[in-house]
Amino acid sequence: MNSFELIYNVVKKIPYGKVSTYGQVALLAGNPHWSRVVGYALHVNPDPERIPCYRVVNRFGRVSDSFAFGGKNRQIELLRSEGVDVNDDGIVNLRKHLWRGE
């Protein structure tokens, strides 16, 4: 299995109403140094319906300014539709919504 497949398998597990960080996804995929690789993989996500890449944010909880599937506002909209608290600056309340892979 290649790195992108490992990453996609982790992202598929992020529950509805939760988010994870690029670093956490990298760690769970098997390499804590893959944070940027996670970003690359999500940018070319082959199946956004089954691989919810919008649930991945940076370590500060900020959504991506270059979200590949409709931009920052679309990522915010998708997260809010699941009840995720995202402020107007595009920052998720990580204390409430962070999934750590339990």
C-alpha atoms as a PDB file:
ATOM      1  CA  MET A   1       0.000   0.000   0.000  1.00  0.00           C
ATOM      2  CA  ASN A   2       1.428   3.402  -0.916  1.00  0.00           C
ATOM      3  CA  SER A   3       1.517   6.483   1.333  1.00  0.00           C
ATOM      4  CA  PHE A   4      -1.574   8.081  -0.232  1.00  0.00           C
ATOM      5  CA  GLU A   5      -3.621   4.905   0.322  1.00  0.00           C
ATOM      6  CA  LEU A   6      -2.500   4.778   3.954  1.00  0.00           C
ATOM      7  CA  ILE A   7      -3.510   8.424   4.379  1.00  0.00           C
ATOM      8  CA  TYR A   8      -6.899   7.915   2.723  1.00  0.00           C
ATOM      9  CA  ASN A   9      -7.603   4.952   5.001  1.00  0.00           C
ATOM     10  CA  VAL A  10      -7.030   7.159   8.061  1.00  0.00           C
ATOM     11  CA  VAL A  11      -9.125  10.043   6.724  1.00  0.00           C
ATOM     12  CA  LYS A  12     -12.024   7.677   6.026  1.00  0.00           C
ATOM     13  CA  LYS A  13     -12.102   6.893   9.766  1.00  0.00           C
ATOM     14  CA  ILE A  14     -12.537  10.502  10.953  1.00  0.00           C
ATOM     15  CA  PRO A  15     -16.038  10.498  12.434  1.00  0.00           C
ATOM     16  CA  TYR A  16     -18.888  12.797  11.447  1.00  0.00           C
ATOM     17  CA  GLY A  17     -18.644  16.024  13.463  1.00  0.00           C
ATOM     18  CA  LYS A  18     -14.918  15.600  14.170  1.00  0.00           C
ATOM     19  CA  VAL A  19     -11.707  16.832  12.573  1.00  0.00           C
ATOM     20  CA  SER A  20      -8.101  15.729  12.607  1.00  0.00           C
ATOM     21  CA  THR A  21      -4.890  17.564  11.837  1.00  0.00           C
ATOM     22  CA  TYR A  22      -2.448  16.896   9.023  1.00  0.00           C
ATOM     23  CA  GLY A  23       0.109  15.800  11.614  1.00  0.00           C
ATOM     24  CA  GLN A  24      -2.273  13.432  13.362  1.00  0.00           C
ATOM     25  CA  VAL A  25      -3.280  11.840  10.066  1.00  0.00           C
ATOM     26  CA  ALA A  26       0.412  11.442   9.185  1.00  0.00           C
ATOM     27  CA  LEU A  27       1.127   9.776  12.520  1.00  0.00           C
ATOM     28  CA  LEU A  28      -1.822   7.409  12.207  1.00  0.00           C
ATOM     29  CA  ALA A  29      -0.809   6.597   8.617  1.00  0.00           C
ATOM     30  CA  GLY A  30       2.559   5.425   9.870  1.00  0.00           C
ATOM     31  CA  ASN A  31       4.972   8.333   9.495  1.00  0.00           C
ATOM     32  CA  PRO A  32       4.834  11.468  11.689  1.00  0.00           C
ATOM     33  CA  HIS A  33       6.909  13.330   9.075  1.00  0.00           C
ATOM     34  CA  TRP A  34       4.242  13.058   6.369  1.00  0.00           C
ATOM     35  CA  SER A  35       2.218  16.174   7.238  1.00  0.00           C
ATOM     36  CA  ARG A  36       2.944  17.733   3.851  1.00  0.00           C
ATOM     37  CA  VAL A  37       2.350  14.411   2.113  1.00  0.00           C
ATOM     38  CA  VAL A  38      -1.098  14.372   3.751  1.00  0.00           C
ATOM     39  CA  GLY A  39      -1.772  17.775   2.199  1.00  0.00           C
ATOM     40  CA  TYR A  40      -0.655  16.582  -1.228  1.00  0.00           C
ATOM     41  CA  ALA A  41      -2.766  13.417  -0.958  1.00  0.00           C
ATOM     42  CA  LEU A  42      -5.886  15.322   0.066  1.00  0.00           C
ATOM     43  CA  HIS A  43      -5.427  17.852  -2.716  1.00  0.00           C
ATOM     44  CA  VAL A  44      -5.691  15.030  -5.282  1.00  0.00           C
ATOM     45  CA  ASN A  45      -8.325  13.039  -3.385  1.00  0.00           C
ATOM     46  CA  PRO A  46      -9.804  10.626  -5.954  1.00  0.00           C
ATOM     47  CA  ASP A  47     -13.074  10.083  -4.063  1.00  0.00           C
ATOM     48  CA  PRO A  48     -14.183  13.107  -1.982  1.00  0.00           C
ATOM     49  CA  GLU A  49     -17.559  11.453  -1.315  1.00  0.00           C
ATOM     50  CA  ARG A  50     -15.923   8.571   0.582  1.00  0.00           C
ATOM     51  CA  ILE A  51     -12.702  10.276   1.722  1.00  0.00           C
ATOM     52  CA  PRO A  52     -13.842  13.322   3.757  1.00  0.00           C
ATOM     53  CA  CYS A  53     -10.742  15.460   3.287  1.00  0.00           C
ATOM     54  CA  TYR A  54     -12.629  18.524   4.533  1.00  0.00           C
ATOM     55  CA  ARG A  55     -12.328  17.041   8.037  1.00  0.00           C
ATOM     56  CA  VAL A  56      -8.559  17.668   8.055  1.00  0.00           C
ATOM     57  CA  VAL A  57      -7.282  21.026   9.349  1.00  0.00           C
ATOM     58  CA  ASN A  58      -3.901  22.388  10.356  1.00  0.00           C
ATOM     59  CA  ARG A  59      -2.456  22.083  13.870  1.00  0.00           C
ATOM     60  CA  PHE A  60      -4.124  25.334  14.906  1.00  0.00           C
ATOM     61  CA  GLY A  61      -7.523  24.175  13.661  1.00  0.00           C
ATOM     62  CA  ARG A  62      -7.476  26.407  10.599  1.00  0.00           C
ATOM     63  CA  VAL A  63      -9.186  25.211   7.422  1.00  0.00           C
ATOM     64  CA  SER A  64      -7.263  25.237   4.145  1.00  0.00           C
ATOM     65  CA  ASP A  65      -7.225  28.461   2.136  1.00  0.00           C
ATOM     66  CA  SER A  66      -6.791  26.285  -0.947  1.00  0.00           C
ATOM     67  CA  PHE A  67      -9.308  23.523  -0.226  1.00  0.00           C
ATOM     68  CA  ALA A  68      -9.334  21.633  -3.526  1.00  0.00           C
ATOM     69  CA  PHE A  69     -13.052  20.933  -3.594  1.00  0.00           C
ATOM     70  CA  GLY A  70     -14.624  24.376  -3.527  1.00  0.00           C
ATOM     71  CA  GLY A  71     -12.276  26.582  -1.518  1.00  0.00           C
ATOM     72  CA  LYS A  72     -12.099  27.669   2.101  1.00  0.00           C
ATOM     73  CA  ASN A  73     -15.751  28.685   2.354  1.00  0.00           C
ATOM     74  CA  ARG A  74     -16.896  25.290   1.065  1.00  0.00           C
ATOM     75  CA  GLN A  75     -14.761  23.495   3.660  1.00  0.00           C
ATOM     76  CA  ILE A  76     -16.264  25.678   6.396  1.00  0.00           C
ATOM     77  CA  GLU A  77     -19.759  24.987   5.058  1.00  0.00           C
ATOM     78  CA  LEU A  78     -19.181  21.204   5.043  1.00  0.00           C
ATOM     79  CA  LEU A  79     -17.820  21.223   8.589  1.00  0.00           C
ATOM     80  CA  ARG A  80     -20.614  23.419   9.916  1.00  0.00           C
ATOM     81  CA  SER A  81     -23.181  21.118   8.287  1.00  0.00           C
ATOM     82  CA  GLU A  82     -21.839  18.403  10.619  1.00  0.00           C
ATOM     83  CA  GLY A  83     -22.127  20.639  13.683  1.00  0.00           C
ATOM     84  CA  VAL A  84     -18.417  21.504  13.860  1.00  0.00           C
ATOM     85  CA  ASP A  85     -17.761  24.885  15.476  1.00  0.00           C
ATOM     86  CA  VAL A  86     -15.808  26.951  12.930  1.00  0.00           C
ATOM     87  CA  ASN A  87     -15.379  30.653  13.600  1.00  0.00           C
ATOM     88  CA  ASP A  88     -15.556  33.321  10.906  1.00  0.00           C
ATOM     89  CA  ASP A  89     -11.756  33.209  10.518  1.00  0.00           C
ATOM     90  CA  GLY A  90     -11.972  29.531   9.553  1.00  0.00           C
ATOM     91  CA  ILE A  91     -10.691  28.082  12.814  1.00  0.00           C
ATOM     92  CA  VAL A  92     -12.229  24.953  14.322  1.00  0.00           C
ATOM     93  CA  ASN A  93     -12.666  24.533  18.070  1.00  0.00           C
ATOM     94  CA  LEU A  94     -10.154  21.680  18.460  1.00  0.00           C
ATOM     95  CA  ARG A  95     -10.910  21.166  22.148  1.00  0.00           C
ATOM     96  CA  LYS A  96     -14.410  20.141  21.187  1.00  0.00           C
ATOM     97  CA  HIS A  97     -14.002  18.529  17.759  1.00  0.00           C
ATOM     98  CA  LEU A  98     -10.509  16.977  17.536  1.00  0.00           C
ATOM     99  CA  TRP A  99     -10.442  13.258  16.767  1.00  0.00           C
ATOM    100  CA  ARG A 100      -7.252  11.571  17.888  1.00  0.00           C
ATOM    101  CA  GLY A 101      -7.849   8.214  16.304  1.00  0.00           C
ATOM    102  CA  GLU A 102      -9.405   6.456  19.270  1.00  0.00           C
END
